[in-house]
Amino acid sequence: MAAPPDITCTNLTGTFVMNKTLSDDVDAMLTLQGLSWFTRHAIRLATVVITIKEYKPDAFYHIDATSVASGLATTQENRILDWQTRDHADRIFGKVEGKSRMWKTGELSMEGPGSEEDAAFLRAEMLKDGHTPTKYLDDEHVQSWVINVDGGEWIAEQTWGFEEVNDERRHTRRVVVWKKGNVERVRLVYDFRGKEEDDEDDEDDEALAYE
């Protein structure tokens, strides 16, 4: 389901489901992050559902997200978009330090160690092939940066926004992961389920953080 025009990065409250047909394959990225074949296989089979509440109680936006992927474990990830470093422990990705902020079109400052091609991908100027042109539809977007601190030795940076995918407005997340000179890029595409949380979701479903 396409996202309506009023659902933006400053009004993300709602439920989103990853569209695996439209998204890039994440296996190489997860391998670079040190995940086992068993975990990667479980992720490939899982339906990933993210329920988001966004609000602005002070000068900065807050995004509280519950990620559920069948077969794994539910993850609660609360972001404050003030670009202050905070710790986060995740059963799949381990211990990380991360920070998030809002950025406007044309003003992205990449935090990671990547190339101009990585930056162009994060700005949504092209697909991972480095050639096909794309763009974010709105003016304000989310930037997130995390570093693994328990031996994984990887860094991940992502941007969130909305793009036209197959002639429909879709929420997308672009992720770049770096580790020891290697890099992987993926674009994740989401279907918009609606603004109301589905109370009938199975409590045994699991969540995938940093997707």
C-alpha atoms as a PDB file:
ATOM      1  CA  MET A   1       0.000   0.000   0.000  1.00  0.00           C
ATOM      2  CA  ALA A   2       1.344   3.417  -0.926  1.00  0.00           C
ATOM      3  CA  ALA A   3       1.917   6.045   1.769  1.00  0.00           C
ATOM      4  CA  PRO A   4      -0.372   9.108   1.626  1.00  0.00           C
ATOM      5  CA  PRO A   5       1.220  12.572   1.212  1.00  0.00           C
ATOM      6  CA  ASP A   6       0.680  13.491   4.883  1.00  0.00           C
ATOM      7  CA  ILE A   7       2.892  10.607   6.066  1.00  0.00           C
ATOM      8  CA  THR A   8       6.370  12.143   6.084  1.00  0.00           C
ATOM      9  CA  CYS A   9       9.545  11.957   8.153  1.00  0.00           C
ATOM     10  CA  THR A  10       8.051  14.543  10.509  1.00  0.00           C
ATOM     11  CA  ASN A  11       4.799  12.550  10.741  1.00  0.00           C
ATOM     12  CA  LEU A  12       5.797   8.873  10.621  1.00  0.00           C
ATOM     13  CA  THR A  13       3.246   7.547  13.107  1.00  0.00           C
ATOM     14  CA  GLY A  14       1.815   4.359  11.624  1.00  0.00           C
ATOM     15  CA  THR A  15       2.631   0.776  10.704  1.00  0.00           C
ATOM     16  CA  PHE A  16       4.970  -0.199   7.880  1.00  0.00           C
ATOM     17  CA  VAL A  17       5.696  -3.642   6.389  1.00  0.00           C
ATOM     18  CA  MET A  18       8.906  -4.344   4.490  1.00  0.00           C
ATOM     19  CA  ASN A  19       8.218  -5.162   0.837  1.00  0.00           C
ATOM     20  CA  LYS A  20      10.849  -7.767   0.013  1.00  0.00           C
ATOM     21  CA  THR A  21      10.008  -7.776  -3.671  1.00  0.00           C
ATOM     22  CA  LEU A  22      10.828  -4.071  -4.011  1.00  0.00           C
ATOM     23  CA  SER A  23      13.714  -4.029  -1.489  1.00  0.00           C
ATOM     24  CA  ASP A  24      17.329  -4.932  -2.215  1.00  0.00           C
ATOM     25  CA  ASP A  25      18.651  -8.284  -0.992  1.00  0.00           C
ATOM     26  CA  VAL A  26      20.107  -7.788   2.506  1.00  0.00           C
ATOM     27  CA  ASP A  27      22.130 -11.018   2.764  1.00  0.00           C
ATOM     28  CA  ALA A  28      25.529  -9.547   1.816  1.00  0.00           C
ATOM     29  CA  MET A  29      25.021  -6.645   4.229  1.00  0.00           C
ATOM     30  CA  LEU A  30      24.065  -8.954   7.101  1.00  0.00           C
ATOM     31  CA  THR A  31      27.067 -11.172   6.316  1.00  0.00           C
ATOM     32  CA  LEU A  32      29.338  -8.130   6.578  1.00  0.00           C
ATOM     33  CA  GLN A  33      27.759  -7.418   9.978  1.00  0.00           C
ATOM     34  CA  GLY A  34      28.758 -10.895  11.143  1.00  0.00           C
ATOM     35  CA  LEU A  35      25.338 -12.579  11.304  1.00  0.00           C
ATOM     36  CA  SER A  36      25.275 -16.364  11.015  1.00  0.00           C
ATOM     37  CA  TRP A  37      23.709 -18.226   8.081  1.00  0.00           C
ATOM     38  CA  PHE A  38      20.895 -19.405  10.380  1.00  0.00           C
ATOM     39  CA  THR A  39      20.021 -15.852  11.459  1.00  0.00           C
ATOM     40  CA  ARG A  40      20.270 -14.526   7.904  1.00  0.00           C
ATOM     41  CA  HIS A  41      18.006 -17.324   6.676  1.00  0.00           C
ATOM     42  CA  ALA A  42      15.455 -16.543   9.401  1.00  0.00           C
ATOM     43  CA  ILE A  43      15.481 -12.865   8.417  1.00  0.00           C
ATOM     44  CA  ARG A  44      14.979 -13.713   4.743  1.00  0.00           C
ATOM     45  CA  LEU A  45      11.865 -15.737   5.652  1.00  0.00           C
ATOM     46  CA  ALA A  46      10.447 -13.278   8.183  1.00  0.00           C
ATOM     47  CA  THR A  47       7.788 -10.628   7.604  1.00  0.00           C
ATOM     48  CA  VAL A  48       9.187  -7.415   9.072  1.00  0.00           C
ATOM     49  CA  VAL A  49       6.601  -5.052  10.590  1.00  0.00           C
ATOM     50  CA  ILE A  50       7.526  -1.687  12.140  1.00  0.00           C
ATOM     51  CA  THR A  51       5.068   0.269  14.266  1.00  0.00           C
ATOM     52  CA  ILE A  52       6.135   3.881  14.764  1.00  0.00           C
ATOM     53  CA  LYS A  53       5.059   6.693  17.049  1.00  0.00           C
ATOM     54  CA  GLU A  54       6.609  10.081  16.246  1.00  0.00           C
ATOM     55  CA  TYR A  55       6.137  13.141  18.423  1.00  0.00           C
ATOM     56  CA  LYS A  56       7.892  16.389  19.324  1.00  0.00           C
ATOM     57  CA  PRO A  57       7.732  17.143  23.069  1.00  0.00           C
ATOM     58  CA  ASP A  58      10.616  19.624  22.904  1.00  0.00           C
ATOM     59  CA  ALA A  59      12.988  21.040  20.299  1.00  0.00           C
ATOM     60  CA  PHE A  60      13.633  17.622  18.770  1.00  0.00           C
ATOM     61  CA  TYR A  61      11.520  14.913  17.186  1.00  0.00           C
ATOM     62  CA  HIS A  62      11.242  11.573  18.993  1.00  0.00           C
ATOM     63  CA  ILE A  63      10.654   8.316  17.105  1.00  0.00           C
ATOM     64  CA  ASP A  64       9.613   5.234  19.093  1.00  0.00           C
ATOM     65  CA  ALA A  65       9.639   2.131  16.901  1.00  0.00           C
ATOM     66  CA  THR A  66       8.662  -1.455  17.642  1.00  0.00           C
ATOM     67  CA  SER A  67      10.123  -3.845  15.072  1.00  0.00           C
ATOM     68  CA  VAL A  68       8.624  -7.309  14.680  1.00  0.00           C
ATOM     69  CA  ALA A  69       9.964 -10.079  12.425  1.00  0.00           C
ATOM     70  CA  SER A  70       8.438 -13.540  12.741  1.00  0.00           C
ATOM     71  CA  GLY A  71      10.824 -16.045  14.327  1.00  0.00           C
ATOM     72  CA  LEU A  72      13.145 -13.566  16.033  1.00  0.00           C
ATOM     73  CA  ALA A  73      12.533 -11.253  19.016  1.00  0.00           C
ATOM     74  CA  THR A  74      10.618  -7.975  19.283  1.00  0.00           C
ATOM     75  CA  THR A  75      12.882  -4.957  19.507  1.00  0.00           C
ATOM     76  CA  GLN A  76      11.960  -1.551  20.875  1.00  0.00           C
ATOM     77  CA  GLU A  77      14.111   1.263  19.558  1.00  0.00           C
ATOM     78  CA  ASN A  78      13.522   4.836  20.708  1.00  0.00           C
ATOM     79  CA  ARG A  79      15.345   7.611  18.879  1.00  0.00           C
ATOM     80  CA  ILE A  80      15.727  11.267  19.794  1.00  0.00           C
ATOM     81  CA  LEU A  81      16.756  13.244  16.721  1.00  0.00           C
ATOM     82  CA  ASP A  82      19.266  15.468  18.518  1.00  0.00           C
ATOM     83  CA  TRP A  83      22.483  13.870  17.155  1.00  0.00           C
ATOM     84  CA  GLN A  84      23.581  12.808  20.647  1.00  0.00           C
ATOM     85  CA  THR A  85      25.291   9.420  21.006  1.00  0.00           C
ATOM     86  CA  ARG A  86      23.390   6.775  22.968  1.00  0.00           C
ATOM     87  CA  ASP A  87      23.908   3.082  23.707  1.00  0.00           C
ATOM     88  CA  HIS A  88      21.617   0.376  22.382  1.00  0.00           C
ATOM     89  CA  ALA A  89      21.753  -3.399  22.960  1.00  0.00           C
ATOM     90  CA  ASP A  90      20.221  -5.660  20.346  1.00  0.00           C
ATOM     91  CA  ARG A  91      19.943  -9.471  20.363  1.00  0.00           C
ATOM     92  CA  ILE A  92      20.739  -9.694  16.658  1.00  0.00           C
ATOM     93  CA  PHE A  93      23.239  -6.883  16.096  1.00  0.00           C
ATOM     94  CA  GLY A  94      24.842  -6.731  19.541  1.00  0.00           C
ATOM     95  CA  LYS A  95      25.877  -3.606  21.430  1.00  0.00           C
ATOM     96  CA  VAL A  96      26.047  -0.408  19.426  1.00  0.00           C
ATOM     97  CA  GLU A  97      26.396   3.318  19.897  1.00  0.00           C
ATOM     98  CA  GLY A  98      24.235   5.462  17.671  1.00  0.00           C
ATOM     99  CA  LYS A  99      22.791   8.870  16.987  1.00  0.00           C
ATOM    100  CA  SER A 100      20.045  10.313  14.769  1.00  0.00           C
ATOM    101  CA  ARG A 101      18.928  13.658  13.390  1.00  0.00           C
ATOM    102  CA  MET A 102      16.703  15.292  10.806  1.00  0.00           C
ATOM    103  CA  TRP A 103      18.261  16.657   7.603  1.00  0.00           C
ATOM    104  CA  LYS A 104      16.947  18.621   4.644  1.00  0.00           C
ATOM    105  CA  THR A 105      17.403  17.889   0.962  1.00  0.00           C
ATOM    106  CA  GLY A 106      20.828  19.090  -0.180  1.00  0.00           C
ATOM    107  CA  GLU A 107      22.210  19.306   3.363  1.00  0.00           C
ATOM    108  CA  LEU A 108      23.259  15.739   4.248  1.00  0.00           C
ATOM    109  CA  SER A 109      26.650  15.474   5.936  1.00  0.00           C
ATOM    110  CA  MET A 110      27.690  11.817   5.866  1.00  0.00           C
ATOM    111  CA  GLU A 111      29.191  10.675   9.158  1.00  0.00           C
ATOM    112  CA  GLY A 112      30.660   7.383   7.969  1.00  0.00           C
ATOM    113  CA  PRO A 113      34.000   6.690   6.224  1.00  0.00           C
ATOM    114  CA  GLY A 114      32.495   6.157   2.775  1.00  0.00           C
ATOM    115  CA  SER A 115      32.948   7.440  -0.749  1.00  0.00           C
ATOM    116  CA  GLU A 116      31.047  10.054  -2.714  1.00  0.00           C
ATOM    117  CA  GLU A 117      29.106   7.157  -4.248  1.00  0.00           C
ATOM    118  CA  ASP A 118      28.024   6.120  -0.743  1.00  0.00           C
ATOM    119  CA  ALA A 119      26.976   9.698   0.016  1.00  0.00           C
ATOM    120  CA  ALA A 120      25.015   9.962  -3.238  1.00  0.00           C
ATOM    121  CA  PHE A 121      23.235   6.717  -2.390  1.00  0.00           C
ATOM    122  CA  LEU A 122      22.342   7.996   1.088  1.00  0.00           C
ATOM    123  CA  ARG A 123      21.061  11.244  -0.429  1.00  0.00           C
ATOM    124  CA  ALA A 124      18.793   9.054  -2.606  1.00  0.00           C
ATOM    125  CA  GLU A 125      20.326  10.395  -5.801  1.00  0.00           C
ATOM    126  CA  MET A 126      20.876   6.928  -7.285  1.00  0.00           C
ATOM    127  CA  LEU A 127      20.215   3.242  -6.734  1.00  0.00           C
ATOM    128  CA  LYS A 128      22.909   0.864  -5.484  1.00  0.00           C
ATOM    129  CA  ASP A 129      24.008   0.249  -9.085  1.00  0.00           C
ATOM    130  CA  GLY A 130      25.510   3.746  -8.996  1.00  0.00           C
ATOM    131  CA  HIS A 131      23.749   4.791 -12.201  1.00  0.00           C
ATOM    132  CA  THR A 132      19.941   4.749 -11.976  1.00  0.00           C
ATOM    133  CA  PRO A 133      18.772   8.219 -10.822  1.00  0.00           C
ATOM    134  CA  THR A 134      16.306   8.544  -7.937  1.00  0.00           C
ATOM    135  CA  LYS A 135      15.253  11.190  -5.428  1.00  0.00           C
ATOM    136  CA  TYR A 136      13.513  11.727  -2.121  1.00  0.00           C
ATOM    137  CA  LEU A 137      10.109  13.318  -2.576  1.00  0.00           C
ATOM    138  CA  ASP A 138       9.962  15.515   0.542  1.00  0.00           C
ATOM    139  CA  ASP A 139      12.303  18.094   2.025  1.00  0.00           C
ATOM    140  CA  GLU A 140      13.012  16.594   5.474  1.00  0.00           C
ATOM    141  CA  HIS A 141      14.523  13.171   6.126  1.00  0.00           C
ATOM    142  CA  VAL A 142      16.055  11.116   8.962  1.00  0.00           C
ATOM    143  CA  GLN A 143      19.750  10.252   9.247  1.00  0.00           C
ATOM    144  CA  SER A 144      21.032   7.544  11.596  1.00  0.00           C
ATOM    145  CA  TRP A 145      24.580   6.436  12.370  1.00  0.00           C
ATOM    146  CA  VAL A 146      25.632   3.430  14.474  1.00  0.00           C
ATOM    147  CA  ILE A 147      28.897   1.708  15.334  1.00  0.00           C
ATOM    148  CA  ASN A 148      29.206  -1.796  16.751  1.00  0.00           C
ATOM    149  CA  VAL A 149      31.118  -1.758  20.059  1.00  0.00           C
ATOM    150  CA  ASP A 150      31.333  -5.444  21.020  1.00  0.00           C
ATOM    151  CA  GLY A 151      33.765  -6.800  18.432  1.00  0.00           C
ATOM    152  CA  GLY A 152      31.777  -6.611  15.219  1.00  0.00           C
ATOM    153  CA  GLU A 153      33.914  -3.742  13.897  1.00  0.00           C
ATOM    154  CA  TRP A 154      31.218  -2.457  11.538  1.00  0.00           C
ATOM    155  CA  ILE A 155      29.709   0.981  11.026  1.00  0.00           C
ATOM    156  CA  ALA A 156      26.268   1.574   9.530  1.00  0.00           C
ATOM    157  CA  GLU A 157      24.666   4.761   8.303  1.00  0.00           C
ATOM    158  CA  GLN A 158      21.144   5.101   6.992  1.00  0.00           C
ATOM    159  CA  THR A 159      18.701   7.691   5.748  1.00  0.00           C
ATOM    160  CA  TRP A 160      14.915   7.497   5.749  1.00  0.00           C
ATOM    161  CA  GLY A 161      12.578   9.204   3.358  1.00  0.00           C
ATOM    162  CA  PHE A 162       9.878   8.712   0.757  1.00  0.00           C
ATOM    163  CA  GLU A 163      10.422   7.845  -2.897  1.00  0.00           C
ATOM    164  CA  GLU A 164       8.344   7.011  -5.923  1.00  0.00           C
ATOM    165  CA  VAL A 165       8.751   3.255  -6.409  1.00  0.00           C
ATOM    166  CA  ASN A 166       6.793   1.605  -9.217  1.00  0.00           C
ATOM    167  CA  ASP A 167       4.743   4.788  -9.575  1.00  0.00           C
ATOM    168  CA  GLU A 168       3.705   4.783  -5.899  1.00  0.00           C
ATOM    169  CA  ARG A 169       4.839   6.855  -2.926  1.00  0.00           C
ATOM    170  CA  ARG A 170       6.752   4.513  -0.586  1.00  0.00           C
ATOM    171  CA  HIS A 171       8.695   4.850   2.645  1.00  0.00           C
ATOM    172  CA  THR A 172      12.306   3.835   2.018  1.00  0.00           C
ATOM    173  CA  ARG A 173      15.428   3.398   4.097  1.00  0.00           C
ATOM    174  CA  ARG A 174      18.864   3.457   2.533  1.00  0.00           C
ATOM    175  CA  VAL A 175      21.609   1.687   4.496  1.00  0.00           C
ATOM    176  CA  VAL A 176      25.378   1.646   3.978  1.00  0.00           C
ATOM    177  CA  VAL A 177      27.556  -0.687   6.075  1.00  0.00           C
ATOM    178  CA  TRP A 178      31.347  -0.427   6.219  1.00  0.00           C
ATOM    179  CA  LYS A 179      33.788  -2.964   7.710  1.00  0.00           C
ATOM    180  CA  LYS A 180      37.541  -3.221   7.160  1.00  0.00           C
ATOM    181  CA  GLY A 181      37.467  -1.571   3.748  1.00  0.00           C
ATOM    182  CA  ASN A 182      34.385  -3.466   2.553  1.00  0.00           C
ATOM    183  CA  VAL A 183      31.046  -1.768   1.889  1.00  0.00           C
ATOM    184  CA  GLU A 184      27.472  -2.890   1.219  1.00  0.00           C
ATOM    185  CA  ARG A 185      24.513  -0.706   0.227  1.00  0.00           C
ATOM    186  CA  VAL A 186      20.832  -1.622   0.339  1.00  0.00           C
ATOM    187  CA  ARG A 187      17.551   0.188  -0.172  1.00  0.00           C
ATOM    188  CA  LEU A 188      14.626  -1.110   1.881  1.00  0.00           C
ATOM    189  CA  VAL A 189      11.104  -0.345   0.667  1.00  0.00           C
ATOM    190  CA  TYR A 190       8.011  -0.430   2.906  1.00  0.00           C
ATOM    191  CA  ASP A 191       4.282  -0.779   2.418  1.00  0.00           C
ATOM    192  CA  PHE A 192       2.154   1.542   4.552  1.00  0.00           C
ATOM    193  CA  ARG A 193      -0.394  -0.453   6.559  1.00  0.00           C
ATOM    194  CA  GLY A 194      -2.125   2.458   8.300  1.00  0.00           C
ATOM    195  CA  LYS A 195      -1.998   4.832  11.238  1.00  0.00           C
ATOM    196  CA  GLU A 196      -3.575   2.551  13.798  1.00  0.00           C
ATOM    197  CA  GLU A 197      -1.504  -0.134  15.479  1.00  0.00           C
ATOM    198  CA  ASP A 198      -2.799  -3.631  14.782  1.00  0.00           C
ATOM    199  CA  ASP A 199      -3.719  -4.979  18.218  1.00  0.00           C
ATOM    200  CA  GLU A 200      -4.122  -8.475  16.816  1.00  0.00           C
ATOM    201  CA  ASP A 201      -0.470  -8.887  15.898  1.00  0.00           C
ATOM    202  CA  ASP A 202       0.964 -12.134  17.291  1.00  0.00           C
ATOM    203  CA  GLU A 203       2.865 -11.395  20.490  1.00  0.00           C
ATOM    204  CA  ASP A 204       5.342 -14.149  19.589  1.00  0.00           C
ATOM    205  CA  ASP A 205       6.423 -12.285  16.432  1.00  0.00           C
ATOM    206  CA  GLU A 206       9.918 -10.870  16.509  1.00  0.00           C
ATOM    207  CA  ALA A 207      11.579  -7.645  15.791  1.00  0.00           C
ATOM    208  CA  LEU A 208      14.509  -6.647  13.669  1.00  0.00           C
ATOM    209  CA  ALA A 209      16.412  -3.525  14.698  1.00  0.00           C
ATOM    210  CA  TYR A 210      18.336  -1.254  12.354  1.00  0.00           C
ATOM    211  CA  GLU A 211      16.438  -2.434   9.297  1.00  0.00           C
END
